[in-house]
PDB file of all heavy atoms in Angstrom:
ATOM      1  N   ARG A   1     -36.039-128.233  40.235  1.00  0.00           N
ATOM      2  CA  ARG A   1     -37.001-128.800  39.290  1.00  0.00           C
ATOM      3  C   ARG A   1     -38.185-127.840  39.149  1.00  0.00           C
ATOM      4  O   ARG A   1     -38.971-127.673  40.078  1.00  0.00           O
ATOM      5  CB  ARG A   1     -37.475-130.163  39.786  1.00  0.00           C
ATOM      6  CG  ARG A   1     -36.403-131.236  39.815  1.00  0.00           C
ATOM      7  CD  ARG A   1     -36.888-132.535  40.428  1.00  0.00           C
ATOM      8  NE  ARG A   1     -36.775-132.539  41.885  1.00  0.00           N
ATOM      9  CZ  ARG A   1     -37.789-132.495  42.720  1.00  0.00           C
ATOM     10  NH1 ARG A   1     -39.035-132.445  42.265  1.00  0.00           N
ATOM     11  NH2 ARG A   1     -37.603-132.492  44.031  1.00  0.00           N
ATOM     12  N   PHE A   2     -38.310-127.236  37.982  1.00  0.00           N
ATOM     13  CA  PHE A   2     -39.461-126.371  37.733  1.00  0.00           C
ATOM     14  C   PHE A   2     -40.709-127.192  37.436  1.00  0.00           C
ATOM     15  O   PHE A   2     -41.827-126.778  37.754  1.00  0.00           O
ATOM     16  CB  PHE A   2     -39.169-125.433  36.552  1.00  0.00           C
ATOM     17  CG  PHE A   2     -38.158-124.376  36.867  1.00  0.00           C
ATOM     18  CD1 PHE A   2     -36.818-124.576  36.577  1.00  0.00           C
ATOM     19  CD2 PHE A   2     -38.543-123.181  37.459  1.00  0.00           C
ATOM     20  CE1 PHE A   2     -35.875-123.600  36.859  1.00  0.00           C
ATOM     21  CE2 PHE A   2     -37.604-122.204  37.743  1.00  0.00           C
ATOM     22  CZ  PHE A   2     -36.266-122.409  37.458  1.00  0.00           C
ATOM     23  N   SER A   3     -40.528-128.310  36.789  1.00  0.00           N
ATOM     24  CA  SER A   3     -41.635-129.198  36.436  1.00  0.00           C
ATOM     25  C   SER A   3     -41.059-130.579  36.215  1.00  0.00           C
ATOM     26  O   SER A   3     -39.861-130.812  36.422  1.00  0.00           O
ATOM     27  CB  SER A   3     -42.352-128.695  35.174  1.00  0.00           C
ATOM     28  OG  SER A   3     -41.507-128.811  34.053  1.00  0.00           O
ATOM     29  N   ASP A   4     -41.912-131.493  35.778  1.00  0.00           N
ATOM     30  CA  ASP A   4     -41.421-132.844  35.510  1.00  0.00           C
ATOM     31  C   ASP A   4     -40.585-132.894  34.233  1.00  0.00           C
ATOM     32  O   ASP A   4     -39.922-133.903  33.960  1.00  0.00           O
ATOM     33  CB  ASP A   4     -42.600-133.823  35.397  1.00  0.00           C
ATOM     34  CG  ASP A   4     -43.525-133.472  34.253  1.00  0.00           C
ATOM     35  OD1 ASP A   4     -44.061-132.350  34.257  1.00  0.00           O
ATOM     36  OD2 ASP A   4     -43.721-134.310  33.351  1.00  0.00           O
ATOM     37  N   THR A   5     -40.579-131.814  33.451  1.00  0.00           N
ATOM     38  CA  THR A   5     -39.836-131.811  32.189  1.00  0.00           C
ATOM     39  C   THR A   5     -38.631-130.879  32.198  1.00  0.00           C
ATOM     40  O   THR A   5     -37.732-131.044  31.369  1.00  0.00           O
ATOM     41  CB  THR A   5     -40.747-131.399  31.017  1.00  0.00           C
ATOM     42  OG1 THR A   5     -41.268-130.081  31.269  1.00  0.00           O
ATOM     43  CG2 THR A   5     -41.902-132.377  30.855  1.00  0.00           C
ATOM     44  N   PHE A   6     -38.586-129.895  33.102  1.00  0.00           N
ATOM     45  CA  PHE A   6     -37.565-128.862  33.017  1.00  0.00           C
ATOM     46  C   PHE A   6     -36.882-128.655  34.361  1.00  0.00           C
ATOM     47  O   PHE A   6     -37.546-128.534  35.398  1.00  0.00           O
ATOM     48  CB  PHE A   6     -38.188-127.543  32.551  1.00  0.00           C
ATOM     49  CG  PHE A   6     -37.199-126.416  32.430  1.00  0.00           C
ATOM     50  CD1 PHE A   6     -36.111-126.522  31.581  1.00  0.00           C
ATOM     51  CD2 PHE A   6     -37.353-125.256  33.163  1.00  0.00           C
ATOM     52  CE1 PHE A   6     -35.188-125.493  31.460  1.00  0.00           C
ATOM     53  CE2 PHE A   6     -36.440-124.219  33.049  1.00  0.00           C
ATOM     54  CZ  PHE A   6     -35.360-124.339  32.197  1.00  0.00           C
ATOM     55  N   SER A   7     -35.544-128.629  34.337  1.00  0.00           N
ATOM     56  CA  SER A   7     -34.773-128.392  35.555  1.00  0.00           C
ATOM     57  C   SER A   7     -33.489-127.660  35.201  1.00  0.00           C
ATOM     58  O   SER A   7     -33.010-127.734  34.065  1.00  0.00           O
ATOM     59  CB  SER A   7     -34.454-129.708  36.278  1.00  0.00           C
ATOM     60  OG  SER A   7     -33.580-130.510  35.492  1.00  0.00           O
ATOM     61  N   VAL A   8     -32.930-126.954  36.189  1.00  0.00           N
ATOM     62  CA  VAL A   8     -31.629-126.302  36.037  1.00  0.00           C
ATOM     63  C   VAL A   8     -30.786-126.665  37.248  1.00  0.00           C
ATOM     64  O   VAL A   8     -31.323-126.993  38.325  1.00  0.00           O
ATOM     65  CB  VAL A   8     -31.754-124.767  35.913  1.00  0.00           C
ATOM     66  CG1 VAL A   8     -32.572-124.385  34.693  1.00  0.00           C
ATOM     67  CG2 VAL A   8     -32.376-124.173  37.172  1.00  0.00           C
ATOM     68  N   GLN A   9     -29.489-126.630  37.085  1.00  0.00           N
ATOM     69  CA  GLN A   9     -28.610-126.905  38.200  1.00  0.00           C
ATOM     70  C   GLN A   9     -27.331-126.095  38.067  1.00  0.00           C
ATOM     71  O   GLN A   9     -26.911-125.739  36.959  1.00  0.00           O
ATOM     72  CB  GLN A   9     -28.294-128.396  38.313  1.00  0.00           C
ATOM     73  CG  GLN A   9     -27.520-128.992  37.159  1.00  0.00           C
ATOM     74  CD  GLN A   9     -27.350-130.498  37.311  1.00  0.00           C
ATOM     75  OE1 GLN A   9     -28.282-131.211  37.681  1.00  0.00           O
ATOM     76  NE2 GLN A   9     -26.152-130.988  37.040  1.00  0.00           N
ATOM     77  N   ALA A  10     -26.729-125.815  39.210  1.00  0.00           N
ATOM     78  CA  ALA A  10     -25.489-125.056  39.252  1.00  0.00           C
ATOM     79  C   ALA A  10     -24.702-125.504  40.469  1.00  0.00           C
ATOM     80  O   ALA A  10     -25.270-125.999  41.450  1.00  0.00           O
ATOM     81  CB  ALA A  10     -25.763-123.548  39.302  1.00  0.00           C
ATOM     82  N   GLY A  11     -23.376-125.320  40.398  1.00  0.00           N
ATOM     83  CA  GLY A  11     -22.561-125.755  41.525  1.00  0.00           C
ATOM     84  C   GLY A  11     -21.090-125.499  41.287  1.00  0.00           C
ATOM     85  O   GLY A  11     -20.705-124.508  40.651  1.00  0.00           O
ATOM     86  N   ALA A  12     -20.277-126.418  41.777  1.00  0.00           N
ATOM     87  CA  ALA A  12     -18.824-126.278  41.688  1.00  0.00           C
ATOM     88  C   ALA A  12     -18.218-127.600  41.260  1.00  0.00           C
ATOM     89  O   ALA A  12     -18.759-128.682  41.542  1.00  0.00           O
ATOM     90  CB  ALA A  12     -18.249-125.850  43.038  1.00  0.00           C
ATOM     91  N   GLN A  13     -17.094-127.518  40.560  1.00  0.00           N
ATOM     92  CA  GLN A  13     -16.372-128.699  40.103  1.00  0.00           C
ATOM     93  C   GLN A  13     -14.887-128.510  40.362  1.00  0.00           C
ATOM     94  O   GLN A  13     -14.341-127.426  40.142  1.00  0.00           O
ATOM     95  CB  GLN A  13     -16.609-128.953  38.613  1.00  0.00           C
ATOM     96  CG  GLN A  13     -15.837-130.156  38.062  1.00  0.00           C
ATOM     97  CD  GLN A  13     -16.085-130.384  36.580  1.00  0.00           C
ATOM     98  OE1 GLN A  13     -16.834-129.645  35.943  1.00  0.00           O
ATOM     99  NE2 GLN A  13     -15.445-131.416  36.028  1.00  0.00           N
ATOM    100  N   LEU A  14     -14.266-129.570  40.841  1.00  0.00           N
ATOM    101  CA  LEU A  14     -12.830-129.574  41.084  1.00  0.00           C
ATOM    102  C   LEU A  14     -12.243-130.805  40.433  1.00  0.00           C
ATOM    103  O   LEU A  14     -12.769-131.915  40.613  1.00  0.00           O
ATOM    104  CB  LEU A  14     -12.536-129.556  42.582  1.00  0.00           C
ATOM    105  CG  LEU A  14     -11.071-129.503  43.043  1.00  0.00           C
ATOM    106  CD1 LEU A  14     -10.985-128.808  44.403  1.00  0.00           C
ATOM    107  CD2 LEU A  14     -10.466-130.906  43.170  1.00  0.00           C
ATOM    108  N   GLN A  15     -11.180-130.621  39.664  1.00  0.00           N
ATOM    109  CA  GLN A  15     -10.516-131.764  39.036  1.00  0.00           C
ATOM    110  C   GLN A  15      -9.008-131.533  39.014  1.00  0.00           C
ATOM    111  O   GLN A  15      -8.543-130.454  38.625  1.00  0.00           O
ATOM    112  CB  GLN A  15     -11.012-132.002  37.615  1.00  0.00           C
ATOM    113  CG  GLN A  15     -10.425-133.269  36.985  1.00  0.00           C
ATOM    114  CD  GLN A  15     -11.054-133.630  35.644  1.00  0.00           C
ATOM    115  OE1 GLN A  15     -10.353-133.931  34.689  1.00  0.00           O
ATOM    116  NE2 GLN A  15     -12.377-133.615  35.586  1.00  0.00           N
ATOM    117  N   LYS A  16      -8.287-132.564  39.442  1.00  0.00           N
ATOM    118  CA  LYS A  16      -6.823-132.546  39.393  1.00  0.00           C
ATOM    119  C   LYS A  16      -6.378-133.796  38.668  1.00  0.00           C
ATOM    120  O   LYS A  16      -6.831-134.907  38.984  1.00  0.00           O
ATOM    121  CB  LYS A  16      -6.224-132.513  40.797  1.00  0.00           C
ATOM    122  CG  LYS A  16      -4.684-132.482  40.801  1.00  0.00           C
ATOM    123  CD  LYS A  16      -4.144-132.351  42.206  1.00  0.00           C
ATOM    124  CE  LYS A  16      -2.619-132.420  42.218  1.00  0.00           C
ATOM    125  NZ  LYS A  16      -1.997-131.361  41.384  1.00  0.00           N
ATOM    126  N   GLY A  17      -5.497-133.616  37.656  1.00  0.00           N
ATOM    127  CA  GLY A  17      -5.111-134.784  36.900  1.00  0.00           C
ATOM    128  C   GLY A  17      -3.948-134.540  35.973  1.00  0.00           C
ATOM    129  O   GLY A  17      -3.289-133.500  36.003  1.00  0.00           O
ATOM    130  N   GLN A  18      -3.733-135.535  35.119  1.00  0.00           N
ATOM    131  CA  GLN A  18      -2.662-135.498  34.145  1.00  0.00           C
ATOM    132  C   GLN A  18      -3.135-136.185  32.878  1.00  0.00           C
ATOM    133  O   GLN A  18      -3.797-137.232  32.928  1.00  0.00           O
ATOM    134  CB  GLN A  18      -1.417-136.205  34.677  1.00  0.00           C
ATOM    135  CG  GLN A  18      -0.229-136.210  33.724  1.00  0.00           C
ATOM    136  CD  GLN A  18       0.886-137.108  34.222  1.00  0.00           C
ATOM    137  OE1 GLN A  18       0.890-138.310  33.958  1.00  0.00           O
ATOM    138  NE2 GLN A  18       1.829-136.531  34.968  1.00  0.00           N
ATOM    139  N   SER A  19      -2.821-135.599  31.735  1.00  0.00           N
ATOM    140  CA  SER A  19      -3.128-136.225  30.457  1.00  0.00           C
ATOM    141  C   SER A  19      -1.907-136.129  29.563  1.00  0.00           C
ATOM    142  O   SER A  19      -1.112-135.182  29.675  1.00  0.00           O
ATOM    143  CB  SER A  19      -4.324-135.541  29.779  1.00  0.00           C
ATOM    144  OG  SER A  19      -3.966-134.258  29.304  1.00  0.00           O
ATOM    145  N   SER A  20      -1.762-137.103  28.677  1.00  0.00           N
ATOM    146  CA  SER A  20      -0.623-137.095  27.766  1.00  0.00           C
ATOM    147  C   SER A  20      -1.017-137.728  26.449  1.00  0.00           C
ATOM    148  O   SER A  20      -1.796-138.689  26.401  1.00  0.00           O
ATOM    149  CB  SER A  20       0.566-137.848  28.376  1.00  0.00           C
ATOM    150  OG  SER A  20       0.220-139.198  28.646  1.00  0.00           O
ATOM    151  N   ASP A  21      -0.521-137.153  25.376  1.00  0.00           N
ATOM    152  CA  ASP A  21      -0.698-137.697  24.032  1.00  0.00           C
ATOM    153  C   ASP A  21       0.457-137.189  23.176  1.00  0.00           C
ATOM    154  O   ASP A  21       1.470-136.713  23.709  1.00  0.00           O
ATOM    155  CB  ASP A  21      -2.064-137.310  23.461  1.00  0.00           C
ATOM    156  CG  ASP A  21      -2.223-135.808  23.261  1.00  0.00           C
ATOM    157  OD1 ASP A  21      -1.308-135.050  23.660  1.00  0.00           O
ATOM    158  OD2 ASP A  21      -3.249-135.389  22.695  1.00  0.00           O
ATOM    159  N   VAL A  22       0.304-137.256  21.870  1.00  0.00           N
ATOM    160  CA  VAL A  22       1.405-136.854  20.997  1.00  0.00           C
ATOM    161  C   VAL A  22       1.688-135.359  21.068  1.00  0.00           C
ATOM    162  O   VAL A  22       2.755-134.901  20.643  1.00  0.00           O
ATOM    163  CB  VAL A  22       1.120-137.258  19.537  1.00  0.00           C
ATOM    164  CG1 VAL A  22       1.114-138.767  19.388  1.00  0.00           C
ATOM    165  CG2 VAL A  22      -0.189-136.644  19.050  1.00  0.00           C
ATOM    166  N   LEU A  23       0.757-134.575  21.619  1.00  0.00           N
ATOM    167  CA  LEU A  23       0.987-133.140  21.762  1.00  0.00           C
ATOM    168  C   LEU A  23       1.748-132.803  23.036  1.00  0.00           C
ATOM    169  O   LEU A  23       2.162-131.657  23.222  1.00  0.00           O
ATOM    170  CB  LEU A  23      -0.348-132.383  21.744  1.00  0.00           C
ATOM    171  CG  LEU A  23      -1.151-132.445  20.444  1.00  0.00           C
ATOM    172  CD1 LEU A  23      -2.405-131.587  20.554  1.00  0.00           C
ATOM    173  CD2 LEU A  23      -0.314-132.003  19.253  1.00  0.00           C
ATOM    174  N   GLY A  24       1.901-133.783  23.921  1.00  0.00           N
ATOM    175  CA  GLY A  24       2.644-133.539  25.146  1.00  0.00           C
ATOM    176  C   GLY A  24       1.875-133.960  26.382  1.00  0.00           C
ATOM    177  O   GLY A  24       0.756-134.479  26.312  1.00  0.00           O
ATOM    178  N   LYS A  25       2.509-133.718  27.540  1.00  0.00           N
ATOM    179  CA  LYS A  25       1.913-134.069  28.826  1.00  0.00           C
ATOM    180  C   LYS A  25       1.471-132.792  29.537  1.00  0.00           C
ATOM    181  O   LYS A  25       2.194-131.789  29.544  1.00  0.00           O
ATOM    182  CB  LYS A  25       2.907-134.842  29.688  1.00  0.00           C
ATOM    183  CG  LYS A  25       2.331-135.313  31.021  1.00  0.00           C
ATOM    184  CD  LYS A  25       3.294-136.228  31.765  1.00  0.00           C
ATOM    185  CE  LYS A  25       4.508-135.444  32.268  1.00  0.00           C
ATOM    186  NZ  LYS A  25       5.363-136.283  33.143  1.00  0.00           N
ATOM    187  N   ILE A  26       0.278-132.861  30.144  1.00  0.00           N
ATOM    188  CA  ILE A  26      -0.264-131.702  30.845  1.00  0.00           C
ATOM    189  C   ILE A  26      -0.655-132.127  32.259  1.00  0.00           C
ATOM    190  O   ILE A  26      -1.490-133.030  32.440  1.00  0.00           O
ATOM    191  CB  ILE A  26      -1.493-131.123  30.116  1.00  0.00           C
ATOM    192  CG1 ILE A  26      -1.123-130.679  28.702  1.00  0.00           C
ATOM    193  CG2 ILE A  26      -2.074-129.950  30.901  1.00  0.00           C
ATOM    194  CD1 ILE A  26      -2.302-130.192  27.883  1.00  0.00           C
ATOM    195  N   ASP A  27      -0.049-131.515  33.255  1.00  0.00           N
ATOM    196  CA  ASP A  27      -0.499-131.647  34.640  1.00  0.00           C
ATOM    197  C   ASP A  27      -1.375-130.441  34.942  1.00  0.00           C
ATOM    198  O   ASP A  27      -0.954-129.290  34.728  1.00  0.00           O
ATOM    199  CB  ASP A  27       0.698-131.684  35.588  1.00  0.00           C
ATOM    200  CG  ASP A  27       1.526-132.945  35.417  1.00  0.00           C
ATOM    201  OD1 ASP A  27       1.020-134.028  35.776  1.00  0.00           O
ATOM    202  OD2 ASP A  27       2.652-132.835  34.893  1.00  0.00           O
ATOM    203  N   TYR A  28      -2.575-130.687  35.426  1.00  0.00           N
ATOM    204  CA  TYR A  28      -3.511-129.571  35.544  1.00  0.00           C
ATOM    205  C   TYR A  28      -4.312-129.646  36.849  1.00  0.00           C
ATOM    206  O   TYR A  28      -4.469-130.706  37.464  1.00  0.00           O
ATOM    207  CB  TYR A  28      -4.473-129.548  34.355  1.00  0.00           C
ATOM    208  CG  TYR A  28      -5.372-130.771  34.263  1.00  0.00           C
ATOM    209  CD1 TYR A  28      -6.612-130.802  34.879  1.00  0.00           C
ATOM    210  CD2 TYR A  28      -4.971-131.908  33.550  1.00  0.00           C
ATOM    211  CE1 TYR A  28      -7.433-131.910  34.794  1.00  0.00           C
ATOM    212  CE2 TYR A  28      -5.774-133.027  33.459  1.00  0.00           C
ATOM    213  CZ  TYR A  28      -7.012-133.022  34.084  1.00  0.00           C
ATOM    214  OH  TYR A  28      -7.817-134.135  34.012  1.00  0.00           O
TER     215      TYR A  28
END
């Protein structure tokens, strides 16, 4: 937090899943 109005953040994200629609199924 630089001030009460401005902040930045950084980190890591991990996601494992599956999605499907008319274009097909994706395991990712």
